[in-house]
Amino acid sequence: MWAELCERFCLQFLVLAEKMRPAMDMLERQEEDPDRLEALYEIDHGVTRMRRVARDLRVLADRGDEDVSGVDTSLLDVVRMAASSIEGYRQVSILRMVDLAVPAHAVEDAASLVAALLDNATRFSPAQVTVSAHLLDDGGVMLRVEDSGIGMSAGQLEELNATLAGPVPAMTRGTARQTGFPVVHRLARRHGVTVRFATRSGGTIAMVTVPPSLLCEIPAPEPRTGGAPAPAGNLTMARRVERPARKAPTLNVASDADLGGLPRRQRTSLRPVAEPADRPAEPAPASEPGPAGDPDGAGTFAADLDAFTAGSRRFTDEQEGRQ
């Protein structure tokens, strides 16, 4: 009954957010005062964050895996969507991104997974958080979220990686104290994605391995008429945040020159091509990750980790006791 109630109210929140978007777009197009326009951007950003919270609650209630709406979306835009739905989006810098896309049915889940990692990284890192995506030899992609946060001990790192590699535990009073880890765990398991954490000098790396089955070519842009609908999901907000001519803060994207908010691309297939020789080597895992934190920011990173791993251990012990 609780899962059904969560599903019902989350869907209502999502519908209300979608209904607000055309009105917000109209107000922003008509507004010429920079200060009022910035205020509208902040309201729009708040609606986008509310939308993410509703989606995360659906994931925790084990609902929402039937979504097959939207269009195939480039990895760059998936990361933009993720960054636009967190409070600390000003800290996110998007670096090198491979020119591949995520199929429509997995776009929202992929953005939610990356958003949870970015949210944690920005909350526990005093400096910029970088995101990059590199092609792997098997045709998959490695997404890297790197920060300069507090990290964790070697023992905590080993326990976390083991938990994420194991079965998804049920939500308990302990695990409910934070939601970032459970969201990442459920979405990764739903789509066959692997998430691991490691340390680097003065920071943490979250490594997300996306399998080839969850990738596709970037679709050719379709001509749009004046009455064409806006892009699905929170991609509209993601691009809006990056407008350089406004006073609203911008996402820092280190890429080619912009064309209408997107980087210039050469339309050649990358699927059979091996990773370029100049790809930086993956650092060997050391001892401290920076996983996803509570969307509400409650507690500390260590408390979130302890709650997640303790709940997972109890789940495992209960499963073994029933056998």
C-alpha atoms as a PDB file:
ATOM      1  CA  MET A   1       0.000   0.000   0.000  1.00  0.00           C
ATOM      2  CA  TRP A   2       2.843   2.413   0.850  1.00  0.00           C
ATOM      3  CA  ALA A   3       4.510   1.869  -2.538  1.00  0.00           C
ATOM      4  CA  GLU A   4       1.206   2.492  -4.313  1.00  0.00           C
ATOM      5  CA  LEU A   5       0.686   5.741  -2.406  1.00  0.00           C
ATOM      6  CA  CYS A   6       4.207   6.882  -3.264  1.00  0.00           C
ATOM      7  CA  GLU A   7       3.582   6.099  -6.908  1.00  0.00           C
ATOM      8  CA  ARG A   8       0.292   7.979  -6.956  1.00  0.00           C
ATOM      9  CA  PHE A   9       1.585  11.178  -5.382  1.00  0.00           C
ATOM     10  CA  CYS A  10       4.899  11.143  -7.265  1.00  0.00           C
ATOM     11  CA  LEU A  11       3.037  10.949 -10.562  1.00  0.00           C
ATOM     12  CA  GLN A  12       0.888  13.882  -9.495  1.00  0.00           C
ATOM     13  CA  PHE A  13       4.000  15.924  -8.660  1.00  0.00           C
ATOM     14  CA  LEU A  14       5.539  15.071 -12.032  1.00  0.00           C
ATOM     15  CA  VAL A  15       2.375  16.042 -13.911  1.00  0.00           C
ATOM     16  CA  LEU A  16       2.179  19.355 -12.053  1.00  0.00           C
ATOM     17  CA  ALA A  17       5.836  20.088 -12.846  1.00  0.00           C
ATOM     18  CA  GLU A  18       5.234  19.408 -16.532  1.00  0.00           C
ATOM     19  CA  LYS A  19       2.185  21.687 -16.528  1.00  0.00           C
ATOM     20  CA  MET A  20       4.227  24.519 -15.015  1.00  0.00           C
ATOM     21  CA  ARG A  21       7.003  24.339 -17.605  1.00  0.00           C
ATOM     22  CA  PRO A  22       5.175  25.970 -20.577  1.00  0.00           C
ATOM     23  CA  ALA A  23       4.076  28.871 -18.360  1.00  0.00           C
ATOM     24  CA  MET A  24       7.628  29.326 -17.073  1.00  0.00           C
ATOM     25  CA  ASP A  25       9.019  29.246 -20.600  1.00  0.00           C
ATOM     26  CA  MET A  26       6.517  31.887 -21.728  1.00  0.00           C
ATOM     27  CA  LEU A  27       7.328  34.181 -18.794  1.00  0.00           C
ATOM     28  CA  GLU A  28      11.063  33.850 -19.415  1.00  0.00           C
ATOM     29  CA  ARG A  29      10.716  34.603 -23.122  1.00  0.00           C
ATOM     30  CA  GLN A  30       8.697  37.742 -22.378  1.00  0.00           C
ATOM     31  CA  GLU A  31      10.816  39.005 -19.481  1.00  0.00           C
ATOM     32  CA  GLU A  32      13.440  41.643 -20.296  1.00  0.00           C
ATOM     33  CA  ASP A  33      14.491  42.747 -16.825  1.00  0.00           C
ATOM     34  CA  PRO A  34      17.684  40.794 -15.903  1.00  0.00           C
ATOM     35  CA  ASP A  35      16.894  40.618 -12.189  1.00  0.00           C
ATOM     36  CA  ARG A  36      13.366  39.301 -12.682  1.00  0.00           C
ATOM     37  CA  LEU A  37      14.640  36.873 -15.321  1.00  0.00           C
ATOM     38  CA  GLU A  38      17.193  35.520 -12.865  1.00  0.00           C
ATOM     39  CA  ALA A  39      14.433  35.078 -10.284  1.00  0.00           C
ATOM     40  CA  LEU A  40      12.382  33.138 -12.835  1.00  0.00           C
ATOM     41  CA  TYR A  41      15.396  30.918 -13.525  1.00  0.00           C
ATOM     42  CA  GLU A  42      15.703  30.168  -9.812  1.00  0.00           C
ATOM     43  CA  ILE A  43      12.018  29.231  -9.609  1.00  0.00           C
ATOM     44  CA  ASP A  44      12.412  27.028 -12.669  1.00  0.00           C
ATOM     45  CA  HIS A  45      15.435  25.368 -11.089  1.00  0.00           C
ATOM     46  CA  GLY A  46      13.424  24.692  -7.939  1.00  0.00           C
ATOM     47  CA  VAL A  47      10.692  22.991  -9.984  1.00  0.00           C
ATOM     48  CA  THR A  48      13.349  20.864 -11.704  1.00  0.00           C
ATOM     49  CA  ARG A  49      14.739  19.774  -8.329  1.00  0.00           C
ATOM     50  CA  MET A  50      11.235  18.916  -7.098  1.00  0.00           C
ATOM     51  CA  ARG A  51      10.796  16.788 -10.193  1.00  0.00           C
ATOM     52  CA  ARG A  52      13.983  14.899  -9.382  1.00  0.00           C
ATOM     53  CA  VAL A  53      12.867  14.258  -5.783  1.00  0.00           C
ATOM     54  CA  ALA A  54       9.588  12.785  -7.050  1.00  0.00           C
ATOM     55  CA  ARG A  55      11.434  10.526  -9.479  1.00  0.00           C
ATOM     56  CA  ASP A  56      13.843   9.363  -6.766  1.00  0.00           C
ATOM     57  CA  LEU A  57      10.938   8.475  -4.495  1.00  0.00           C
ATOM     58  CA  ARG A  58       9.446   6.351  -7.283  1.00  0.00           C
ATOM     59  CA  VAL A  59      12.769   4.533  -7.553  1.00  0.00           C
ATOM     60  CA  LEU A  60      12.873   3.876  -3.793  1.00  0.00           C
ATOM     61  CA  ALA A  61       9.336   2.514  -4.030  1.00  0.00           C
ATOM     62  CA  ASP A  62      10.542   0.180  -6.822  1.00  0.00           C
ATOM     63  CA  ARG A  63       8.303   1.866  -9.372  1.00  0.00           C
ATOM     64  CA  GLY A  64       8.901   3.686 -12.624  1.00  0.00           C
ATOM     65  CA  ASP A  65      10.887   1.126 -14.628  1.00  0.00           C
ATOM     66  CA  GLU A  66       8.125   1.041 -17.239  1.00  0.00           C
ATOM     67  CA  ASP A  67       8.794   4.599 -18.458  1.00  0.00           C
ATOM     68  CA  VAL A  68       9.438   4.636 -22.221  1.00  0.00           C
ATOM     69  CA  SER A  69       8.860   8.274 -23.115  1.00  0.00           C
ATOM     70  CA  GLY A  70      11.061  10.950 -24.643  1.00  0.00           C
ATOM     71  CA  VAL A  71      13.781  10.545 -27.248  1.00  0.00           C
ATOM     72  CA  ASP A  72      17.295   9.141 -27.501  1.00  0.00           C
ATOM     73  CA  THR A  73      19.521  11.694 -25.744  1.00  0.00           C
ATOM     74  CA  SER A  74      23.264  12.314 -25.962  1.00  0.00           C
ATOM     75  CA  LEU A  75      25.420  11.561 -22.932  1.00  0.00           C
ATOM     76  CA  LEU A  76      26.307  15.240 -22.807  1.00  0.00           C
ATOM     77  CA  ASP A  77      22.653  16.194 -22.450  1.00  0.00           C
ATOM     78  CA  VAL A  78      22.049  13.425 -19.900  1.00  0.00           C
ATOM     79  CA  VAL A  79      24.810  14.923 -17.733  1.00  0.00           C
ATOM     80  CA  ARG A  80      23.380  18.405 -18.282  1.00  0.00           C
ATOM     81  CA  MET A  81      19.972  17.159 -17.146  1.00  0.00           C
ATOM     82  CA  ALA A  82      21.559  15.615 -14.057  1.00  0.00           C
ATOM     83  CA  ALA A  83      23.510  18.748 -13.150  1.00  0.00           C
ATOM     84  CA  SER A  84      20.501  21.022 -13.610  1.00  0.00           C
ATOM     85  CA  SER A  85      18.531  19.021 -11.022  1.00  0.00           C
ATOM     86  CA  ILE A  86      20.926  19.481  -8.070  1.00  0.00           C
ATOM     87  CA  GLU A  87      21.444  22.440  -5.762  1.00  0.00           C
ATOM     88  CA  GLY A  88      25.185  22.777  -6.416  1.00  0.00           C
ATOM     89  CA  TYR A  89      25.044  22.830 -10.226  1.00  0.00           C
ATOM     90  CA  ARG A  90      27.392  25.846 -10.292  1.00  0.00           C
ATOM     91  CA  GLN A  91      30.210  23.551  -9.115  1.00  0.00           C
ATOM     92  CA  VAL A  92      29.847  21.088 -12.009  1.00  0.00           C
ATOM     93  CA  SER A  93      32.277  21.225 -14.925  1.00  0.00           C
ATOM     94  CA  ILE A  94      31.595  18.931 -17.888  1.00  0.00           C
ATOM     95  CA  LEU A  95      34.800  17.840 -19.576  1.00  0.00           C
ATOM     96  CA  ARG A  96      35.390  15.386 -22.410  1.00  0.00           C
ATOM     97  CA  MET A  97      32.212  13.504 -23.395  1.00  0.00           C
ATOM     98  CA  VAL A  98      32.093  10.712 -25.961  1.00  0.00           C
ATOM     99  CA  ASP A  99      29.571  11.293 -28.756  1.00  0.00           C
ATOM    100  CA  LEU A 100      27.083   8.542 -27.958  1.00  0.00           C
ATOM    101  CA  ALA A 101      23.519   8.619 -26.692  1.00  0.00           C
ATOM    102  CA  VAL A 102      21.272   6.827 -24.200  1.00  0.00           C
ATOM    103  CA  PRO A 103      18.074   5.249 -25.621  1.00  0.00           C
ATOM    104  CA  ALA A 104      14.805   6.940 -24.723  1.00  0.00           C
ATOM    105  CA  HIS A 105      13.625   4.328 -22.206  1.00  0.00           C
ATOM    106  CA  ALA A 106      16.691   4.817 -19.976  1.00  0.00           C
ATOM    107  CA  VAL A 107      17.319   8.576 -20.266  1.00  0.00           C
ATOM    108  CA  GLU A 108      15.483   9.629 -17.102  1.00  0.00           C
ATOM    109  CA  ASP A 109      17.013   6.829 -15.023  1.00  0.00           C
ATOM    110  CA  ALA A 110      20.519   7.590 -16.303  1.00  0.00           C
ATOM    111  CA  ALA A 111      20.094  11.276 -15.451  1.00  0.00           C
ATOM    112  CA  SER A 112      18.772  10.396 -11.973  1.00  0.00           C
ATOM    113  CA  LEU A 113      21.737   8.106 -11.280  1.00  0.00           C
ATOM    114  CA  VAL A 114      24.283  10.730 -12.354  1.00  0.00           C
ATOM    115  CA  ALA A 115      22.375  13.428 -10.427  1.00  0.00           C
ATOM    116  CA  ALA A 116      22.650  11.427  -7.192  1.00  0.00           C
ATOM    117  CA  LEU A 117      26.416  11.115  -7.650  1.00  0.00           C
ATOM    118  CA  LEU A 118      26.825  14.796  -8.549  1.00  0.00           C
ATOM    119  CA  ASP A 119      24.675  15.869  -5.620  1.00  0.00           C
ATOM    120  CA  ASN A 120      26.871  13.987  -3.187  1.00  0.00           C
ATOM    121  CA  ALA A 121      30.083  15.178  -4.803  1.00  0.00           C
ATOM    122  CA  THR A 122      29.098  18.845  -4.714  1.00  0.00           C
ATOM    123  CA  ARG A 123      27.849  18.650  -1.119  1.00  0.00           C
ATOM    124  CA  PHE A 124      31.069  17.169   0.200  1.00  0.00           C
ATOM    125  CA  SER A 125      33.597  18.869  -2.092  1.00  0.00           C
ATOM    126  CA  PRO A 126      34.773  22.471  -1.613  1.00  0.00           C
ATOM    127  CA  ALA A 127      35.904  22.880  -5.217  1.00  0.00           C
ATOM    128  CA  GLN A 128      34.693  22.060  -8.726  1.00  0.00           C
ATOM    129  CA  VAL A 129      33.342  18.604  -9.539  1.00  0.00           C
ATOM    130  CA  THR A 130      34.223  17.310 -13.008  1.00  0.00           C
ATOM    131  CA  VAL A 131      32.346  14.839 -15.183  1.00  0.00           C
ATOM    132  CA  SER A 132      33.793  13.058 -18.210  1.00  0.00           C
ATOM    133  CA  ALA A 133      32.868  10.074 -20.379  1.00  0.00           C
ATOM    134  CA  HIS A 134      35.349   7.806 -22.175  1.00  0.00           C
ATOM    135  CA  LEU A 135      34.779   5.028 -24.674  1.00  0.00           C
ATOM    136  CA  LEU A 136      35.833   1.543 -23.533  1.00  0.00           C
ATOM    137  CA  ASP A 137      37.272  -1.247 -25.677  1.00  0.00           C
ATOM    138  CA  ASP A 138      34.055  -3.285 -25.515  1.00  0.00           C
ATOM    139  CA  GLY A 139      31.897  -0.410 -26.810  1.00  0.00           C
ATOM    140  CA  GLY A 140      30.710   0.647 -23.368  1.00  0.00           C
ATOM    141  CA  VAL A 141      31.382   3.986 -21.725  1.00  0.00           C
ATOM    142  CA  MET A 142      33.069   4.947 -18.464  1.00  0.00           C
ATOM    143  CA  LEU A 143      31.532   7.996 -16.764  1.00  0.00           C
ATOM    144  CA  ARG A 144      33.837   9.562 -14.175  1.00  0.00           C
ATOM    145  CA  VAL A 145      32.681  11.969 -11.466  1.00  0.00           C
ATOM    146  CA  GLU A 146      35.718  13.427  -9.691  1.00  0.00           C
ATOM    147  CA  ASP A 147      35.736  15.693  -6.646  1.00  0.00           C
ATOM    148  CA  SER A 148      38.066  16.982  -3.940  1.00  0.00           C
ATOM    149  CA  GLY A 149      35.938  15.912  -0.999  1.00  0.00           C
ATOM    150  CA  ILE A 150      36.675  14.215   2.322  1.00  0.00           C
ATOM    151  CA  GLY A 151      36.475  10.636   1.039  1.00  0.00           C
ATOM    152  CA  MET A 152      36.556   7.617   3.326  1.00  0.00           C
ATOM    153  CA  SER A 153      38.845   4.964   4.720  1.00  0.00           C
ATOM    154  CA  ALA A 154      40.026   1.890   2.826  1.00  0.00           C
ATOM    155  CA  GLY A 155      37.706  -0.298   4.902  1.00  0.00           C
ATOM    156  CA  GLN A 156      34.671   1.869   4.198  1.00  0.00           C
ATOM    157  CA  LEU A 157      35.535   1.939   0.506  1.00  0.00           C
ATOM    158  CA  GLU A 158      35.798  -1.848   0.304  1.00  0.00           C
ATOM    159  CA  GLU A 159      32.504  -2.317   2.161  1.00  0.00           C
ATOM    160  CA  LEU A 160      30.677   0.199  -0.035  1.00  0.00           C
ATOM    161  CA  ASN A 161      31.887  -1.324  -3.308  1.00  0.00           C
ATOM    162  CA  ALA A 162      30.942  -4.793  -2.060  1.00  0.00           C
ATOM    163  CA  THR A 163      27.466  -3.569  -1.111  1.00  0.00           C
ATOM    164  CA  LEU A 164      26.874  -1.932  -4.491  1.00  0.00           C
ATOM    165  CA  ALA A 165      27.987  -5.136  -6.217  1.00  0.00           C
ATOM    166  CA  GLY A 166      25.529  -7.225  -4.185  1.00  0.00           C
ATOM    167  CA  PRO A 167      21.721  -7.518  -4.095  1.00  0.00           C
ATOM    168  CA  VAL A 168      19.613  -4.428  -3.526  1.00  0.00           C
ATOM    169  CA  PRO A 169      18.466  -4.350   0.114  1.00  0.00           C
ATOM    170  CA  ALA A 170      14.946  -3.436   1.133  1.00  0.00           C
ATOM    171  CA  MET A 171      14.372   0.045   2.528  1.00  0.00           C
ATOM    172  CA  THR A 172      14.480   0.057   6.337  1.00  0.00           C
ATOM    173  CA  ARG A 173      14.375   2.739   9.018  1.00  0.00           C
ATOM    174  CA  GLY A 174      18.176   2.803   8.905  1.00  0.00           C
ATOM    175  CA  THR A 175      18.613   3.099   5.146  1.00  0.00           C
ATOM    176  CA  ALA A 176      15.770   5.640   4.974  1.00  0.00           C
ATOM    177  CA  ARG A 177      17.945   8.173   6.797  1.00  0.00           C
ATOM    178  CA  GLN A 178      19.595   8.874   3.462  1.00  0.00           C
ATOM    179  CA  THR A 179      18.467   8.101  -0.057  1.00  0.00           C
ATOM    180  CA  GLY A 180      21.387   8.722  -2.428  1.00  0.00           C
ATOM    181  CA  PHE A 181      23.017   5.301  -2.106  1.00  0.00           C
ATOM    182  CA  PRO A 182      19.753   3.331  -2.430  1.00  0.00           C
ATOM    183  CA  VAL A 183      18.756   5.331  -5.535  1.00  0.00           C
ATOM    184  CA  VAL A 184      22.125   4.700  -7.208  1.00  0.00           C
ATOM    185  CA  HIS A 185      22.039   1.015  -6.237  1.00  0.00           C
ATOM    186  CA  ARG A 186      18.535   0.437  -7.606  1.00  0.00           C
ATOM    187  CA  LEU A 187      19.038   2.313 -10.867  1.00  0.00           C
ATOM    188  CA  ALA A 188      22.391   0.651 -11.520  1.00  0.00           C
ATOM    189  CA  ARG A 189      20.901  -2.803 -10.957  1.00  0.00           C
ATOM    190  CA  ARG A 190      17.835  -1.989 -13.087  1.00  0.00           C
ATOM    191  CA  HIS A 191      19.950  -1.224 -16.179  1.00  0.00           C
ATOM    192  CA  GLY A 192      23.012  -3.437 -15.715  1.00  0.00           C
ATOM    193  CA  VAL A 193      25.264  -0.484 -14.861  1.00  0.00           C
ATOM    194  CA  THR A 194      28.299  -0.915 -12.614  1.00  0.00           C
ATOM    195  CA  VAL A 195      29.182   1.758 -10.040  1.00  0.00           C
ATOM    196  CA  ARG A 196      32.505   1.744  -8.177  1.00  0.00           C
ATOM    197  CA  PHE A 197      34.334   4.302  -6.061  1.00  0.00           C
ATOM    198  CA  ALA A 198      38.038   4.973  -5.653  1.00  0.00           C
ATOM    199  CA  THR A 199      40.306   7.675  -4.329  1.00  0.00           C
ATOM    200  CA  ARG A 200      42.708   9.998  -6.012  1.00  0.00           C
ATOM    201  CA  SER A 201      45.117  12.512  -4.558  1.00  0.00           C
ATOM    202  CA  GLY A 202      42.917  14.938  -2.657  1.00  0.00           C
ATOM    203  CA  GLY A 203      39.580  13.668  -3.820  1.00  0.00           C
ATOM    204  CA  THR A 204      37.219  10.897  -4.865  1.00  0.00           C
ATOM    205  CA  ILE A 205      36.273   9.226  -8.149  1.00  0.00           C
ATOM    206  CA  ALA A 206      32.903   7.651  -8.855  1.00  0.00           C
ATOM    207  CA  MET A 207      33.184   5.377 -11.891  1.00  0.00           C
ATOM    208  CA  VAL A 208      29.999   4.414 -13.725  1.00  0.00           C
ATOM    209  CA  THR A 209      30.391   1.729 -16.387  1.00  0.00           C
ATOM    210  CA  VAL A 210      27.582   1.934 -18.941  1.00  0.00           C
ATOM    211  CA  PRO A 211      27.226  -1.277 -21.010  1.00  0.00           C
ATOM    212  CA  PRO A 212      27.005  -1.156 -24.843  1.00  0.00           C
ATOM    213  CA  SER A 213      23.374  -2.296 -24.644  1.00  0.00           C
ATOM    214  CA  LEU A 214      22.485   1.000 -22.953  1.00  0.00           C
ATOM    215  CA  LEU A 215      24.073   3.148 -25.682  1.00  0.00           C
ATOM    216  CA  CYS A 216      23.140   4.207 -29.189  1.00  0.00           C
ATOM    217  CA  GLU A 217      24.152   6.702 -31.841  1.00  0.00           C
ATOM    218  CA  ILE A 218      23.182  10.337 -31.342  1.00  0.00           C
ATOM    219  CA  PRO A 219      20.034  10.884 -33.422  1.00  0.00           C
ATOM    220  CA  ALA A 220      20.197  13.386 -36.248  1.00  0.00           C
ATOM    221  CA  PRO A 221      18.533  16.672 -35.281  1.00  0.00           C
ATOM    222  CA  GLU A 222      14.992  16.973 -36.568  1.00  0.00           C
ATOM    223  CA  PRO A 223      13.809  20.277 -38.052  1.00  0.00           C
ATOM    224  CA  ARG A 224      11.559  22.057 -35.577  1.00  0.00           C
ATOM    225  CA  THR A 225       8.722  24.403 -36.396  1.00  0.00           C
ATOM    226  CA  GLY A 226       7.657  27.328 -34.270  1.00  0.00           C
ATOM    227  CA  GLY A 227       5.031  25.218 -32.526  1.00  0.00           C
ATOM    228  CA  ALA A 228       7.250  22.198 -31.883  1.00  0.00           C
ATOM    229  CA  PRO A 229       7.294  20.996 -28.285  1.00  0.00           C
ATOM    230  CA  ALA A 230      10.272  21.548 -26.024  1.00  0.00           C
ATOM    231  CA  PRO A 231      12.666  18.670 -25.333  1.00  0.00           C
ATOM    232  CA  ALA A 232      11.442  16.070 -22.864  1.00  0.00           C
ATOM    233  CA  GLY A 233      12.512  15.788 -19.255  1.00  0.00           C
ATOM    234  CA  ASN A 234      14.475  18.614 -17.640  1.00  0.00           C
ATOM    235  CA  LEU A 235      16.713  19.149 -20.679  1.00  0.00           C
ATOM    236  CA  THR A 236      15.088  22.524 -21.288  1.00  0.00           C
ATOM    237  CA  MET A 237      16.195  23.673 -17.861  1.00  0.00           C
ATOM    238  CA  ALA A 238      19.646  22.180 -18.408  1.00  0.00           C
ATOM    239  CA  ARG A 239      20.201  24.262 -21.518  1.00  0.00           C
ATOM    240  CA  ARG A 240      18.622  27.347 -19.997  1.00  0.00           C
ATOM    241  CA  VAL A 241      21.081  27.310 -17.117  1.00  0.00           C
ATOM    242  CA  GLU A 242      23.933  27.529 -19.617  1.00  0.00           C
ATOM    243  CA  ARG A 243      22.841  30.724 -21.379  1.00  0.00           C
ATOM    244  CA  PRO A 244      25.939  32.957 -21.249  1.00  0.00           C
ATOM    245  CA  ALA A 245      24.211  36.289 -21.947  1.00  0.00           C
ATOM    246  CA  ARG A 246      22.115  36.240 -18.782  1.00  0.00           C
ATOM    247  CA  LYS A 247      22.956  36.902 -15.160  1.00  0.00           C
ATOM    248  CA  ALA A 248      21.771  33.456 -14.158  1.00  0.00           C
ATOM    249  CA  PRO A 249      24.685  31.153 -13.175  1.00  0.00           C
ATOM    250  CA  THR A 250      25.979  28.935 -15.945  1.00  0.00           C
ATOM    251  CA  LEU A 251      27.131  25.353 -16.117  1.00  0.00           C
ATOM    252  CA  ASN A 252      30.767  25.227 -17.128  1.00  0.00           C
ATOM    253  CA  VAL A 253      31.096  22.998 -20.203  1.00  0.00           C
ATOM    254  CA  ALA A 254      34.576  22.530 -21.592  1.00  0.00           C
ATOM    255  CA  SER A 255      33.877  21.456 -25.152  1.00  0.00           C
ATOM    256  CA  ASP A 256      33.753  22.689 -28.695  1.00  0.00           C
ATOM    257  CA  ALA A 257      32.092  25.939 -29.684  1.00  0.00           C
ATOM    258  CA  ASP A 258      28.377  26.017 -28.905  1.00  0.00           C
ATOM    259  CA  LEU A 259      25.714  25.770 -31.547  1.00  0.00           C
ATOM    260  CA  GLY A 260      22.347  26.497 -29.981  1.00  0.00           C
ATOM    261  CA  GLY A 261      23.447  25.220 -26.581  1.00  0.00           C
ATOM    262  CA  LEU A 262      25.051  22.007 -27.859  1.00  0.00           C
ATOM    263  CA  PRO A 263      28.666  21.329 -28.866  1.00  0.00           C
ATOM    264  CA  ARG A 264      29.695  20.822 -32.456  1.00  0.00           C
ATOM    265  CA  ARG A 265      29.805  17.137 -33.443  1.00  0.00           C
ATOM    266  CA  GLN A 266      31.109  15.165 -36.374  1.00  0.00           C
ATOM    267  CA  ARG A 267      28.420  12.683 -37.439  1.00  0.00           C
ATOM    268  CA  THR A 268      30.598   9.600 -37.603  1.00  0.00           C
ATOM    269  CA  SER A 269      29.901   6.397 -35.729  1.00  0.00           C
ATOM    270  CA  LEU A 270      31.987   5.788 -32.622  1.00  0.00           C
ATOM    271  CA  ARG A 271      30.718   2.316 -31.803  1.00  0.00           C
ATOM    272  CA  PRO A 272      33.402   0.230 -33.560  1.00  0.00           C
ATOM    273  CA  VAL A 273      36.204   2.660 -32.766  1.00  0.00           C
ATOM    274  CA  ALA A 274      38.500   1.889 -29.854  1.00  0.00           C
ATOM    275  CA  GLU A 275      39.230   4.520 -27.231  1.00  0.00           C
ATOM    276  CA  PRO A 276      41.801   7.069 -28.511  1.00  0.00           C
ATOM    277  CA  ALA A 277      45.356   6.445 -27.440  1.00  0.00           C
ATOM    278  CA  ASP A 278      45.519   9.703 -25.495  1.00  0.00           C
ATOM    279  CA  ARG A 279      42.736   8.641 -23.122  1.00  0.00           C
ATOM    280  CA  PRO A 280      44.020   9.107 -19.568  1.00  0.00           C
ATOM    281  CA  ALA A 281      44.656   5.827 -17.796  1.00  0.00           C
ATOM    282  CA  GLU A 282      42.155   4.799 -15.152  1.00  0.00           C
ATOM    283  CA  PRO A 283      43.764   5.199 -11.730  1.00  0.00           C
ATOM    284  CA  ALA A 284      43.969   2.080  -9.613  1.00  0.00           C
ATOM    285  CA  PRO A 285      41.370   2.080  -6.825  1.00  0.00           C
ATOM    286  CA  ALA A 286      42.880   3.302  -3.616  1.00  0.00           C
ATOM    287  CA  SER A 287      40.771   4.045  -0.643  1.00  0.00           C
ATOM    288  CA  GLU A 288      38.046   6.664  -0.627  1.00  0.00           C
ATOM    289  CA  PRO A 289      34.893   7.276  -2.647  1.00  0.00           C
ATOM    290  CA  GLY A 290      32.301  10.006  -2.617  1.00  0.00           C
ATOM    291  CA  PRO A 291      28.926   8.376  -3.231  1.00  0.00           C
ATOM    292  CA  ALA A 292      25.536   9.892  -3.469  1.00  0.00           C
ATOM    293  CA  GLY A 293      24.218  11.829  -0.516  1.00  0.00           C
ATOM    294  CA  ASP A 294      20.848  12.755   0.835  1.00  0.00           C
ATOM    295  CA  PRO A 295      18.960  15.038  -1.581  1.00  0.00           C
ATOM    296  CA  ASP A 296      17.832  17.020   1.452  1.00  0.00           C
ATOM    297  CA  GLY A 297      21.390  17.405   2.688  1.00  0.00           C
ATOM    298  CA  ALA A 298      20.724  15.952   6.147  1.00  0.00           C
ATOM    299  CA  GLY A 299      23.556  14.436   8.132  1.00  0.00           C
ATOM    300  CA  THR A 300      27.140  13.910   7.045  1.00  0.00           C
ATOM    301  CA  PHE A 301      28.776  11.772   4.428  1.00  0.00           C
ATOM    302  CA  ALA A 302      30.064   9.306   7.024  1.00  0.00           C
ATOM    303  CA  ALA A 303      26.611   9.013   8.622  1.00  0.00           C
ATOM    304  CA  ASP A 304      25.005   8.391   5.236  1.00  0.00           C
ATOM    305  CA  LEU A 305      27.512   5.668   4.432  1.00  0.00           C
ATOM    306  CA  ASP A 306      27.154   3.991   7.825  1.00  0.00           C
ATOM    307  CA  ALA A 307      23.349   3.969   7.528  1.00  0.00           C
ATOM    308  CA  PHE A 308      23.469   2.489   4.050  1.00  0.00           C
ATOM    309  CA  THR A 309      25.985  -0.258   4.804  1.00  0.00           C
ATOM    310  CA  ALA A 310      24.391  -1.125   8.165  1.00  0.00           C
ATOM    311  CA  GLY A 311      20.996  -1.499   6.535  1.00  0.00           C
ATOM    312  CA  SER A 312      22.508  -3.646   3.801  1.00  0.00           C
ATOM    313  CA  ARG A 313      24.159  -5.924   6.361  1.00  0.00           C
ATOM    314  CA  ARG A 314      20.866  -6.359   8.213  1.00  0.00           C
ATOM    315  CA  PHE A 315      19.144  -7.213   4.957  1.00  0.00           C
ATOM    316  CA  THR A 316      21.787  -9.838   4.137  1.00  0.00           C
ATOM    317  CA  ASP A 317      21.601 -11.336   7.644  1.00  0.00           C
ATOM    318  CA  GLU A 318      17.803 -11.575   7.430  1.00  0.00           C
ATOM    319  CA  GLN A 319      17.994 -13.268   4.028  1.00  0.00           C
ATOM    320  CA  GLU A 320      20.503 -15.818   5.319  1.00  0.00           C
ATOM    321  CA  GLY A 321      18.365 -16.461   8.416  1.00  0.00           C
ATOM    322  CA  ARG A 322      15.373 -17.399   6.265  1.00  0.00           C
ATOM    323  CA  GLN A 323      17.328 -20.010   4.337  1.00  0.00           C
END
